[in-house]
Amino acid sequence: MKIVPVVRKAILKEIDEEYEDMLYWLSRPPQERIAEVTRLISHSLKPGQTMDKTVVVKRKLHP
């Protein structure tokens, strides 16, 4: 399998990576998004420390 490079030319001032990232993650299934959030949080925890699940903040994301 050959990996094909992806190139996109744009003016840096016109690129909104935060918005593009949000659109990408909203296009992914909820299970994949949850798995990625869990993976990112687990990287910030110390060995033996568990994720604090007592605080939940719900908000709507609009693309």
PDB file of N, CA and C in Angstrom:
ATOM      1  N   MET A   1       0.845  -1.177   0.000  1.00  0.00           N
ATOM      2  CA  MET A   1       0.000   0.000   0.000  1.00  0.00           C
ATOM      3  C   MET A   1       0.886   1.234   0.000  1.00  0.00           C
ATOM      4  N   LYS A   2       0.628   2.111  -0.920  1.00  0.00           N
ATOM      5  CA  LYS A   2       1.404   3.337  -1.037  1.00  0.00           C
ATOM      6  C   LYS A   2       0.648   4.489  -0.387  1.00  0.00           C
ATOM      7  N   ILE A   3       1.350   5.282   0.399  1.00  0.00           N
ATOM      8  CA  ILE A   3       0.749   6.451   1.042  1.00  0.00           C
ATOM      9  C   ILE A   3       0.857   7.624   0.083  1.00  0.00           C
ATOM     10  N   VAL A   4      -0.277   8.230  -0.202  1.00  0.00           N
ATOM     11  CA  VAL A   4      -0.325   9.351  -1.123  1.00  0.00           C
ATOM     12  C   VAL A   4      -0.308  10.649  -0.327  1.00  0.00           C
ATOM     13  N   PRO A   5       0.643  11.549  -0.612  1.00  0.00           N
ATOM     14  CA  PRO A   5       0.676  12.818   0.131  1.00  0.00           C
ATOM     15  C   PRO A   5      -0.518  13.698  -0.234  1.00  0.00           C
ATOM     16  N   VAL A   6      -0.991  14.431   0.753  1.00  0.00           N
ATOM     17  CA  VAL A   6      -2.099  15.363   0.545  1.00  0.00           C
ATOM     18  C   VAL A   6      -1.552  16.775   0.686  1.00  0.00           C
ATOM     19  N   VAL A   7      -1.764  17.580  -0.337  1.00  0.00           N
ATOM     20  CA  VAL A   7      -1.252  18.946  -0.338  1.00  0.00           C
ATOM     21  C   VAL A   7      -2.422  19.899  -0.555  1.00  0.00           C
ATOM     22  N   ARG A   8      -2.447  20.952   0.240  1.00  0.00           N
ATOM     23  CA  ARG A   8      -3.472  21.978   0.083  1.00  0.00           C
ATOM     24  C   ARG A   8      -2.801  23.335   0.193  1.00  0.00           C
ATOM     25  N   LYS A   9      -2.923  24.128  -0.838  1.00  0.00           N
ATOM     26  CA  LYS A   9      -2.334  25.457  -0.823  1.00  0.00           C
ATOM     27  C   LYS A   9      -3.398  26.462  -0.412  1.00  0.00           C
ATOM     28  N   ALA A  10      -3.039  27.319   0.542  1.00  0.00           N
ATOM     29  CA  ALA A  10      -3.965  28.355   1.004  1.00  0.00           C
ATOM     30  C   ALA A  10      -3.167  29.470   1.652  1.00  0.00           C
ATOM     31  N   ILE A  11      -3.772  30.619   1.734  1.00  0.00           N
ATOM     32  CA  ILE A  11      -3.144  31.746   2.414  1.00  0.00           C
ATOM     33  C   ILE A  11      -3.316  31.527   3.914  1.00  0.00           C
ATOM     34  N   LEU A  12      -2.223  31.646   4.660  1.00  0.00           N
ATOM     35  CA  LEU A  12      -2.253  31.347   6.090  1.00  0.00           C
ATOM     36  C   LEU A  12      -3.307  32.148   6.842  1.00  0.00           C
ATOM     37  N   LYS A  13      -3.512  33.386   6.471  1.00  0.00           N
ATOM     38  CA  LYS A  13      -4.488  34.221   7.170  1.00  0.00           C
ATOM     39  C   LYS A  13      -5.918  33.730   6.965  1.00  0.00           C
ATOM     40  N   GLU A  14      -6.143  32.968   5.899  1.00  0.00           N
ATOM     41  CA  GLU A  14      -7.491  32.500   5.578  1.00  0.00           C
ATOM     42  C   GLU A  14      -7.817  31.134   6.174  1.00  0.00           C
ATOM     43  N   ILE A  15      -6.837  30.455   6.728  1.00  0.00           N
ATOM     44  CA  ILE A  15      -7.054  29.114   7.271  1.00  0.00           C
ATOM     45  C   ILE A  15      -7.569  29.212   8.705  1.00  0.00           C
ATOM     46  N   ASP A  16      -8.673  28.553   8.977  1.00  0.00           N
ATOM     47  CA  ASP A  16      -9.234  28.500  10.323  1.00  0.00           C
ATOM     48  C   ASP A  16      -9.182  27.031  10.777  1.00  0.00           C
ATOM     49  N   GLU A  17      -8.026  26.639  11.312  1.00  0.00           N
ATOM     50  CA  GLU A  17      -7.823  25.241  11.684  1.00  0.00           C
ATOM     51  C   GLU A  17      -8.781  24.789  12.778  1.00  0.00           C
ATOM     52  N   GLU A  18      -9.085  25.663  13.714  1.00  0.00           N
ATOM     53  CA  GLU A  18      -9.984  25.294  14.803  1.00  0.00           C
ATOM     54  C   GLU A  18     -11.367  24.904  14.247  1.00  0.00           C
ATOM     55  N   TYR A  19     -11.859  25.690  13.311  1.00  0.00           N
ATOM     56  CA  TYR A  19     -13.159  25.411  12.690  1.00  0.00           C
ATOM     57  C   TYR A  19     -13.101  24.117  11.874  1.00  0.00           C
ATOM     58  N   GLU A  20     -12.017  23.936  11.116  1.00  0.00           N
ATOM     59  CA  GLU A  20     -11.856  22.723  10.318  1.00  0.00           C
ATOM     60  C   GLU A  20     -11.738  21.487  11.202  1.00  0.00           C
ATOM     61  N   ASP A  21     -11.020  21.609  12.323  1.00  0.00           N
ATOM     62  CA  ASP A  21     -10.914  20.499  13.267  1.00  0.00           C
ATOM     63  C   ASP A  21     -12.291  20.135  13.824  1.00  0.00           C
ATOM     64  N   MET A  22     -13.076  21.155  14.170  1.00  0.00           N
ATOM     65  CA  MET A  22     -14.408  20.901  14.705  1.00  0.00           C
ATOM     66  C   MET A  22     -15.276  20.191  13.664  1.00  0.00           C
ATOM     67  N   LEU A  23     -15.237  20.650  12.414  1.00  0.00           N
ATOM     68  CA  LEU A  23     -16.014  19.999  11.357  1.00  0.00           C
ATOM     69  C   LEU A  23     -15.582  18.548  11.171  1.00  0.00           C
ATOM     70  N   TYR A  24     -14.269  18.304  11.246  1.00  0.00           N
ATOM     71  CA  TYR A  24     -13.772  16.941  11.099  1.00  0.00           C
ATOM     72  C   TYR A  24     -14.329  16.047  12.203  1.00  0.00           C
ATOM     73  N   TRP A  25     -14.205  16.502  13.457  1.00  0.00           N
ATOM     74  CA  TRP A  25     -14.642  15.655  14.568  1.00  0.00           C
ATOM     75  C   TRP A  25     -16.159  15.502  14.608  1.00  0.00           C
ATOM     76  N   LEU A  26     -16.900  16.499  14.149  1.00  0.00           N
ATOM     77  CA  LEU A  26     -18.352  16.347  14.068  1.00  0.00           C
ATOM     78  C   LEU A  26     -18.745  15.355  12.976  1.00  0.00           C
ATOM     79  N   SER A  27     -17.870  15.144  12.016  1.00  0.00           N
ATOM     80  CA  SER A  27     -18.161  14.178  10.952  1.00  0.00           C
ATOM     81  C   SER A  27     -17.856  12.741  11.382  1.00  0.00           C
ATOM     82  N   ARG A  28     -17.159  12.577  12.485  1.00  0.00           N
ATOM     83  CA  ARG A  28     -16.789  11.236  12.965  1.00  0.00           C
ATOM     84  C   ARG A  28     -17.904  10.690  13.849  1.00  0.00           C
ATOM     85  N   PRO A  29     -18.036   9.376  13.939  1.00  0.00           N
ATOM     86  CA  PRO A  29     -19.073   8.789  14.796  1.00  0.00           C
ATOM     87  C   PRO A  29     -18.810   9.102  16.275  1.00  0.00           C
ATOM     88  N   PRO A  30     -19.877   9.221  17.078  1.00  0.00           N
ATOM     89  CA  PRO A  30     -19.714   9.547  18.502  1.00  0.00           C
ATOM     90  C   PRO A  30     -18.766   8.597  19.238  1.00  0.00           C
ATOM     91  N   GLN A  31     -18.798   7.318  18.919  1.00  0.00           N
ATOM     92  CA  GLN A  31     -17.920   6.363  19.608  1.00  0.00           C
ATOM     93  C   GLN A  31     -16.452   6.690  19.353  1.00  0.00           C
ATOM     94  N   GLU A  32     -16.125   7.085  18.127  1.00  0.00           N
ATOM     95  CA  GLU A  32     -14.745   7.439  17.807  1.00  0.00           C
ATOM     96  C   GLU A  32     -14.331   8.718  18.522  1.00  0.00           C
ATOM     97  N   ARG A  33     -15.240   9.692  18.611  1.00  0.00           N
ATOM     98  CA  ARG A  33     -14.929  10.947  19.309  1.00  0.00           C
ATOM     99  C   ARG A  33     -14.699  10.694  20.792  1.00  0.00           C
ATOM    100  N   ILE A  34     -15.550   9.881  21.400  1.00  0.00           N
ATOM    101  CA  ILE A  34     -15.401   9.559  22.825  1.00  0.00           C
ATOM    102  C   ILE A  34     -14.092   8.820  23.077  1.00  0.00           C
ATOM    103  N   ALA A  35     -13.771   7.891  22.195  1.00  0.00           N
ATOM    104  CA  ALA A  35     -12.521   7.141  22.346  1.00  0.00           C
ATOM    105  C   ALA A  35     -11.313   8.074  22.277  1.00  0.00           C
ATOM    106  N   GLU A  36     -11.349   9.050  21.380  1.00  0.00           N
ATOM    107  CA  GLU A  36     -10.227   9.984  21.252  1.00  0.00           C
ATOM    108  C   GLU A  36     -10.118  10.895  22.472  1.00  0.00           C
ATOM    109  N   VAL A  37     -11.242  11.375  22.984  1.00  0.00           N
ATOM    110  CA  VAL A  37     -11.216  12.211  24.197  1.00  0.00           C
ATOM    111  C   VAL A  37     -10.637  11.416  25.366  1.00  0.00           C
ATOM    112  N   THR A  38     -11.078  10.173  25.503  1.00  0.00           N
ATOM    113  CA  THR A  38     -10.573   9.314  26.580  1.00  0.00           C
ATOM    114  C   THR A  38      -9.067   9.100  26.430  1.00  0.00           C
ATOM    115  N   ARG A  39      -8.606   8.891  25.193  1.00  0.00           N
ATOM    116  CA  ARG A  39      -7.170   8.685  24.951  1.00  0.00           C
ATOM    117  C   ARG A  39      -6.382   9.936  25.315  1.00  0.00           C
ATOM    118  N   LEU A  40      -6.889  11.103  24.919  1.00  0.00           N
ATOM    119  CA  LEU A  40      -6.180  12.352  25.226  1.00  0.00           C
ATOM    120  C   LEU A  40      -6.119  12.606  26.730  1.00  0.00           C
ATOM    121  N   ILE A  41      -7.218  12.352  27.424  1.00  0.00           N
ATOM    122  CA  ILE A  41      -7.237  12.551  28.878  1.00  0.00           C
ATOM    123  C   ILE A  41      -6.284  11.576  29.560  1.00  0.00           C
ATOM    124  N   SER A  42      -6.257  10.337  29.093  1.00  0.00           N
ATOM    125  CA  SER A  42      -5.393   9.337  29.732  1.00  0.00           C
ATOM    126  C   SER A  42      -3.917   9.702  29.603  1.00  0.00           C
ATOM    127  N   HIS A  43      -3.549  10.458  28.552  1.00  0.00           N
ATOM    128  CA  HIS A  43      -2.162  10.900  28.404  1.00  0.00           C
ATOM    129  C   HIS A  43      -1.779  11.940  29.446  1.00  0.00           C
ATOM    130  N   SER A  44      -2.761  12.676  29.972  1.00  0.00           N
ATOM    131  CA  SER A  44      -2.451  13.724  30.946  1.00  0.00           C
ATOM    132  C   SER A  44      -2.492  13.222  32.391  1.00  0.00           C
ATOM    133  N   LEU A  45      -2.950  11.988  32.596  1.00  0.00           N
ATOM    134  CA  LEU A  45      -3.057  11.444  33.949  1.00  0.00           C
ATOM    135  C   LEU A  45      -1.736  10.845  34.400  1.00  0.00           C
ATOM    136  N   LYS A  46      -1.498  10.900  35.684  1.00  0.00           N
ATOM    137  CA  LYS A  46      -0.312  10.273  36.269  1.00  0.00           C
ATOM    138  C   LYS A  46      -0.577   8.777  36.400  1.00  0.00           C
ATOM    139  N   PRO A  47       0.480   7.957  36.469  1.00  0.00           N
ATOM    140  CA  PRO A  47       0.274   6.512  36.620  1.00  0.00           C
ATOM    141  C   PRO A  47      -0.571   6.200  37.859  1.00  0.00           C
ATOM    142  N   GLY A  48      -1.597   5.386  37.698  1.00  0.00           N
ATOM    143  CA  GLY A  48      -2.480   5.014  38.794  1.00  0.00           C
ATOM    144  C   GLY A  48      -3.639   5.973  39.008  1.00  0.00           C
ATOM    145  N   GLN A  49      -3.571   7.160  38.408  1.00  0.00           N
ATOM    146  CA  GLN A  49      -4.640   8.153  38.555  1.00  0.00           C
ATOM    147  C   GLN A  49      -5.778   7.803  37.595  1.00  0.00           C
ATOM    148  N   THR A  50      -7.018   8.022  38.035  1.00  0.00           N
ATOM    149  CA  THR A  50      -8.166   7.745  37.176  1.00  0.00           C
ATOM    150  C   THR A  50      -8.846   9.042  36.768  1.00  0.00           C
ATOM    151  N   MET A  51      -9.639   8.974  35.707  1.00  0.00           N
ATOM    152  CA  MET A  51     -10.330  10.137  35.194  1.00  0.00           C
ATOM    153  C   MET A  51     -11.468  10.527  36.138  1.00  0.00           C
ATOM    154  N   ASP A  52     -11.569  11.823  36.453  1.00  0.00           N
ATOM    155  CA  ASP A  52     -12.650  12.333  37.297  1.00  0.00           C
ATOM    156  C   ASP A  52     -13.892  12.488  36.432  1.00  0.00           C
ATOM    157  N   LYS A  53     -14.917  11.703  36.726  1.00  0.00           N
ATOM    158  CA  LYS A  53     -16.134  11.718  35.916  1.00  0.00           C
ATOM    159  C   LYS A  53     -17.297  12.386  36.654  1.00  0.00           C
ATOM    160  N   THR A  54     -17.001  13.185  37.671  1.00  0.00           N
ATOM    161  CA  THR A  54     -18.066  13.782  38.469  1.00  0.00           C
ATOM    162  C   THR A  54     -18.633  15.042  37.832  1.00  0.00           C
ATOM    163  N   VAL A  55     -17.870  15.727  36.985  1.00  0.00           N
ATOM    164  CA  VAL A  55     -18.321  16.965  36.372  1.00  0.00           C
ATOM    165  C   VAL A  55     -18.596  16.721  34.901  1.00  0.00           C
ATOM    166  N   VAL A  56     -19.793  17.053  34.470  1.00  0.00           N
ATOM    167  CA  VAL A  56     -20.158  16.896  33.062  1.00  0.00           C
ATOM    168  C   VAL A  56     -20.712  18.222  32.576  1.00  0.00           C
ATOM    169  N   VAL A  57     -20.169  18.710  31.477  1.00  0.00           N
ATOM    170  CA  VAL A  57     -20.640  19.962  30.877  1.00  0.00           C
ATOM    171  C   VAL A  57     -21.182  19.618  29.497  1.00  0.00           C
ATOM    172  N   LYS A  58     -22.455  19.919  29.286  1.00  0.00           N
ATOM    173  CA  LYS A  58     -23.064  19.666  27.999  1.00  0.00           C
ATOM    174  C   LYS A  58     -23.246  20.995  27.272  1.00  0.00           C
ATOM    175  N   ARG A  59     -22.884  21.005  26.012  1.00  0.00           N
ATOM    176  CA  ARG A  59     -23.107  22.187  25.187  1.00  0.00           C
ATOM    177  C   ARG A  59     -23.272  21.749  23.741  1.00  0.00           C
ATOM    178  N   LYS A  60     -23.969  22.549  22.986  1.00  0.00           N
ATOM    179  CA  LYS A  60     -24.190  22.242  21.580  1.00  0.00           C
ATOM    180  C   LYS A  60     -23.025  22.779  20.766  1.00  0.00           C
ATOM    181  N   LEU A  61     -22.591  21.996  19.794  1.00  0.00           N
ATOM    182  CA  LEU A  61     -21.568  22.432  18.870  1.00  0.00           C
ATOM    183  C   LEU A  61     -22.239  22.719  17.543  1.00  0.00           C
ATOM    184  N   HIS A  62     -21.991  23.889  17.014  1.00  0.00           N
ATOM    185  CA  HIS A  62     -22.587  24.266  15.739  1.00  0.00           C
ATOM    186  C   HIS A  62     -21.479  24.393  14.704  1.00  0.00           C
ATOM    187  N   PRO A  63     -21.578  23.653  13.609  1.00  0.00           N
ATOM    188  CA  PRO A  63     -20.538  23.764  12.558  1.00  0.00           C
ATOM    189  C   PRO A  63     -20.605  25.077  11.824  1.00  0.00           C
TER     190      PRO A  63
END
